[in-house]
Amino acid sequence: MSWTVRVLLLRKNVFKFVLAIICPLIMLPNVYAEGSIDAGKNKVSMCVGCHGIPNYKTAFPKTYRVPRIAGQRSGYIISALKAYRAGERGHPSMQAVAGSMTDDDIADLAAYYASLK
């Protein structure tokens, strides 16, 4: 077997290996969120005041359009809320809201909002 054929086979095998590792990781954020949709529906009171209003803009701490979270991937919501809670994302209102939530609250809200279209 020539050297170029070996290199091509090696590249092919490396590509398959990388796909086998990365594909499950891409799907992981929605897998670990096992919150209750029904429980989340009862916990949205702090969210709907901003995220439930189409095209809403907030003026604190600066003016920007509040993102719509209905239909967002649960893994994204979980990671965002945990980052706000840890102070890794810098929005004072969201840090306060997320700071009052338990991991179960976050999972429930993520499951609820991910279930919406």
C-alpha atoms as a PDB file:
ATOM      1  CA  MET A   1       0.000   0.000   0.000  1.00  0.00           C
ATOM      2  CA  SER A   2       1.409   3.341  -0.997  1.00  0.00           C
ATOM      3  CA  TRP A   3       2.092   6.167   1.410  1.00  0.00           C
ATOM      4  CA  THR A   4      -0.679   8.393  -0.019  1.00  0.00           C
ATOM      5  CA  VAL A   5      -3.275   5.637   0.335  1.00  0.00           C
ATOM      6  CA  ARG A   6      -2.261   5.167   3.983  1.00  0.00           C
ATOM      7  CA  VAL A   7      -2.587   8.896   4.643  1.00  0.00           C
ATOM      8  CA  LEU A   8      -6.019   8.977   3.011  1.00  0.00           C
ATOM      9  CA  LEU A   9      -7.186   5.998   5.060  1.00  0.00           C
ATOM     10  CA  LEU A  10      -5.843   7.586   8.223  1.00  0.00           C
ATOM     11  CA  ARG A  11      -7.675  10.832   7.451  1.00  0.00           C
ATOM     12  CA  LYS A  12     -10.871   8.903   6.811  1.00  0.00           C
ATOM     13  CA  ASN A  13     -10.561   7.046  10.115  1.00  0.00           C
ATOM     14  CA  VAL A  14      -9.772  10.229  12.026  1.00  0.00           C
ATOM     15  CA  PHE A  15     -12.804  11.903  10.458  1.00  0.00           C
ATOM     16  CA  LYS A  16     -15.054   9.000  11.504  1.00  0.00           C
ATOM     17  CA  PHE A  17     -13.634   9.101  15.017  1.00  0.00           C
ATOM     18  CA  VAL A  18     -14.182  12.858  15.338  1.00  0.00           C
ATOM     19  CA  LEU A  19     -17.764  12.520  14.078  1.00  0.00           C
ATOM     20  CA  ALA A  20     -18.423   9.710  16.537  1.00  0.00           C
ATOM     21  CA  ILE A  21     -17.271  11.937  19.402  1.00  0.00           C
ATOM     22  CA  ILE A  22     -18.700  15.299  18.315  1.00  0.00           C
ATOM     23  CA  CYS A  23     -22.175  14.284  17.115  1.00  0.00           C
ATOM     24  CA  PRO A  24     -23.331  13.006  20.520  1.00  0.00           C
ATOM     25  CA  LEU A  25     -21.870  16.093  22.199  1.00  0.00           C
ATOM     26  CA  ILE A  26     -23.854  18.381  19.919  1.00  0.00           C
ATOM     27  CA  MET A  27     -27.050  16.641  20.982  1.00  0.00           C
ATOM     28  CA  LEU A  28     -26.079  16.529  24.673  1.00  0.00           C
ATOM     29  CA  PRO A  29     -27.466  19.943  25.727  1.00  0.00           C
ATOM     30  CA  ASN A  30     -31.037  18.769  25.154  1.00  0.00           C
ATOM     31  CA  VAL A  31     -30.415  15.344  26.629  1.00  0.00           C
ATOM     32  CA  TYR A  32     -29.427  16.444  30.127  1.00  0.00           C
ATOM     33  CA  ALA A  33     -32.405  18.776  30.563  1.00  0.00           C
ATOM     34  CA  GLU A  34     -35.034  16.619  32.192  1.00  0.00           C
ATOM     35  CA  GLY A  35     -37.205  19.260  33.765  1.00  0.00           C
ATOM     36  CA  SER A  36     -40.958  19.111  34.040  1.00  0.00           C
ATOM     37  CA  ILE A  37     -42.937  21.090  31.466  1.00  0.00           C
ATOM     38  CA  ASP A  38     -45.922  21.298  33.825  1.00  0.00           C
ATOM     39  CA  ALA A  39     -43.773  22.529  36.718  1.00  0.00           C
ATOM     40  CA  GLY A  40     -42.065  25.023  34.411  1.00  0.00           C
ATOM     41  CA  LYS A  41     -45.424  26.426  33.318  1.00  0.00           C
ATOM     42  CA  ASN A  42     -46.019  27.428  36.954  1.00  0.00           C
ATOM     43  CA  LYS A  43     -42.609  29.134  37.294  1.00  0.00           C
ATOM     44  CA  VAL A  44     -42.663  31.618  34.408  1.00  0.00           C
ATOM     45  CA  SER A  45     -43.917  34.657  36.327  1.00  0.00           C
ATOM     46  CA  MET A  46     -40.470  36.286  36.422  1.00  0.00           C
ATOM     47  CA  CYS A  47     -39.853  35.547  32.729  1.00  0.00           C
ATOM     48  CA  VAL A  48     -43.022  36.617  30.939  1.00  0.00           C
ATOM     49  CA  GLY A  49     -42.730  40.271  31.944  1.00  0.00           C
ATOM     50  CA  CYS A  50     -39.875  40.683  29.455  1.00  0.00           C
ATOM     51  CA  HIS A  51     -39.547  37.503  27.385  1.00  0.00           C
ATOM     52  CA  GLY A  52     -43.295  37.155  26.843  1.00  0.00           C
ATOM     53  CA  ILE A  53     -43.734  40.510  25.111  1.00  0.00           C
ATOM     54  CA  PRO A  54     -43.058  40.502  21.339  1.00  0.00           C
ATOM     55  CA  ASN A  55     -40.324  42.963  20.311  1.00  0.00           C
ATOM     56  CA  TYR A  56     -39.883  44.177  23.896  1.00  0.00           C
ATOM     57  CA  LYS A  57     -36.932  46.451  24.595  1.00  0.00           C
ATOM     58  CA  THR A  58     -35.480  47.003  28.024  1.00  0.00           C
ATOM     59  CA  ALA A  59     -33.807  50.180  29.179  1.00  0.00           C
ATOM     60  CA  PHE A  60     -31.704  48.729  32.007  1.00  0.00           C
ATOM     61  CA  PRO A  61     -28.748  48.545  32.129  1.00  0.00           C
ATOM     62  CA  LYS A  62     -28.808  49.589  28.460  1.00  0.00           C
ATOM     63  CA  THR A  63     -31.431  49.579  25.734  1.00  0.00           C
ATOM     64  CA  TYR A  64     -31.633  46.345  23.775  1.00  0.00           C
ATOM     65  CA  ARG A  65     -34.242  43.962  22.393  1.00  0.00           C
ATOM     66  CA  VAL A  66     -35.109  41.171  24.814  1.00  0.00           C
ATOM     67  CA  PRO A  67     -34.684  37.792  23.102  1.00  0.00           C
ATOM     68  CA  ARG A  68     -37.590  35.468  22.604  1.00  0.00           C
ATOM     69  CA  ILE A  69     -37.007  32.257  24.538  1.00  0.00           C
ATOM     70  CA  ALA A  70     -40.111  30.283  23.547  1.00  0.00           C
ATOM     71  CA  GLY A  71     -38.923  27.395  21.397  1.00  0.00           C
ATOM     72  CA  GLN A  72     -35.284  27.895  22.364  1.00  0.00           C
ATOM     73  CA  ARG A  73     -33.257  24.735  22.998  1.00  0.00           C
ATOM     74  CA  SER A  74     -33.439  23.646  26.617  1.00  0.00           C
ATOM     75  CA  GLY A  75     -29.675  23.144  26.828  1.00  0.00           C
ATOM     76  CA  TYR A  76     -29.095  26.740  25.820  1.00  0.00           C
ATOM     77  CA  ILE A  77     -31.578  28.054  28.394  1.00  0.00           C
ATOM     78  CA  ILE A  78     -29.995  25.954  31.117  1.00  0.00           C
ATOM     79  CA  SER A  79     -26.452  27.047  30.302  1.00  0.00           C
ATOM     80  CA  ALA A  80     -27.495  30.710  30.008  1.00  0.00           C
ATOM     81  CA  LEU A  81     -29.370  30.745  33.327  1.00  0.00           C
ATOM     82  CA  LYS A  82     -26.553  28.963  35.128  1.00  0.00           C
ATOM     83  CA  ALA A  83     -24.046  31.430  33.663  1.00  0.00           C
ATOM     84  CA  TYR A  84     -26.182  34.368  34.855  1.00  0.00           C
ATOM     85  CA  ARG A  85     -26.477  32.747  38.285  1.00  0.00           C
ATOM     86  CA  ALA A  86     -22.706  32.285  38.490  1.00  0.00           C
ATOM     87  CA  GLY A  87     -22.074  35.866  37.362  1.00  0.00           C
ATOM     88  CA  GLU A  88     -20.442  34.713  34.115  1.00  0.00           C
ATOM     89  CA  ARG A  89     -22.995  36.613  32.014  1.00  0.00           C
ATOM     90  CA  GLY A  90     -23.331  40.257  32.840  1.00  0.00           C
ATOM     91  CA  HIS A  91     -26.933  41.432  32.992  1.00  0.00           C
ATOM     92  CA  PRO A  92     -27.958  42.577  36.499  1.00  0.00           C
ATOM     93  CA  SER A  93     -31.661  41.771  36.142  1.00  0.00           C
ATOM     94  CA  MET A  94     -31.001  38.306  34.756  1.00  0.00           C
ATOM     95  CA  GLN A  95     -28.349  37.646  37.406  1.00  0.00           C
ATOM     96  CA  ALA A  96     -30.918  38.469  40.115  1.00  0.00           C
ATOM     97  CA  VAL A  97     -33.623  36.315  38.555  1.00  0.00           C
ATOM     98  CA  ALA A  98     -31.317  33.347  37.906  1.00  0.00           C
ATOM     99  CA  GLY A  99     -29.739  33.766  41.336  1.00  0.00           C
ATOM    100  CA  SER A 100     -33.083  32.955  42.932  1.00  0.00           C
ATOM    101  CA  MET A 101     -33.491  29.707  40.974  1.00  0.00           C
ATOM    102  CA  THR A 102     -32.539  26.171  41.934  1.00  0.00           C
ATOM    103  CA  ASP A 103     -31.187  23.702  39.381  1.00  0.00           C
ATOM    104  CA  ASP A 104     -34.659  22.104  39.299  1.00  0.00           C
ATOM    105  CA  ASP A 105     -36.301  25.480  38.622  1.00  0.00           C
ATOM    106  CA  ILE A 106     -33.894  26.073  35.743  1.00  0.00           C
ATOM    107  CA  ALA A 107     -34.497  22.609  34.272  1.00  0.00           C
ATOM    108  CA  ASP A 108     -38.279  23.029  34.567  1.00  0.00           C
ATOM    109  CA  LEU A 109     -38.249  26.446  32.888  1.00  0.00           C
ATOM    110  CA  ALA A 110     -35.968  25.163  30.138  1.00  0.00           C
ATOM    111  CA  ALA A 111     -38.260  22.195  29.487  1.00  0.00           C
ATOM    112  CA  TYR A 112     -41.320  24.461  29.385  1.00  0.00           C
ATOM    113  CA  TYR A 113     -39.851  27.080  27.048  1.00  0.00           C
ATOM    114  CA  ALA A 114     -38.301  24.430  24.784  1.00  0.00           C
ATOM    115  CA  SER A 115     -41.741  22.853  24.399  1.00  0.00           C
ATOM    116  CA  LEU A 116     -43.224  26.079  22.991  1.00  0.00           C
ATOM    117  CA  LYS A 117     -43.117  26.919  19.303  1.00  0.00           C
END
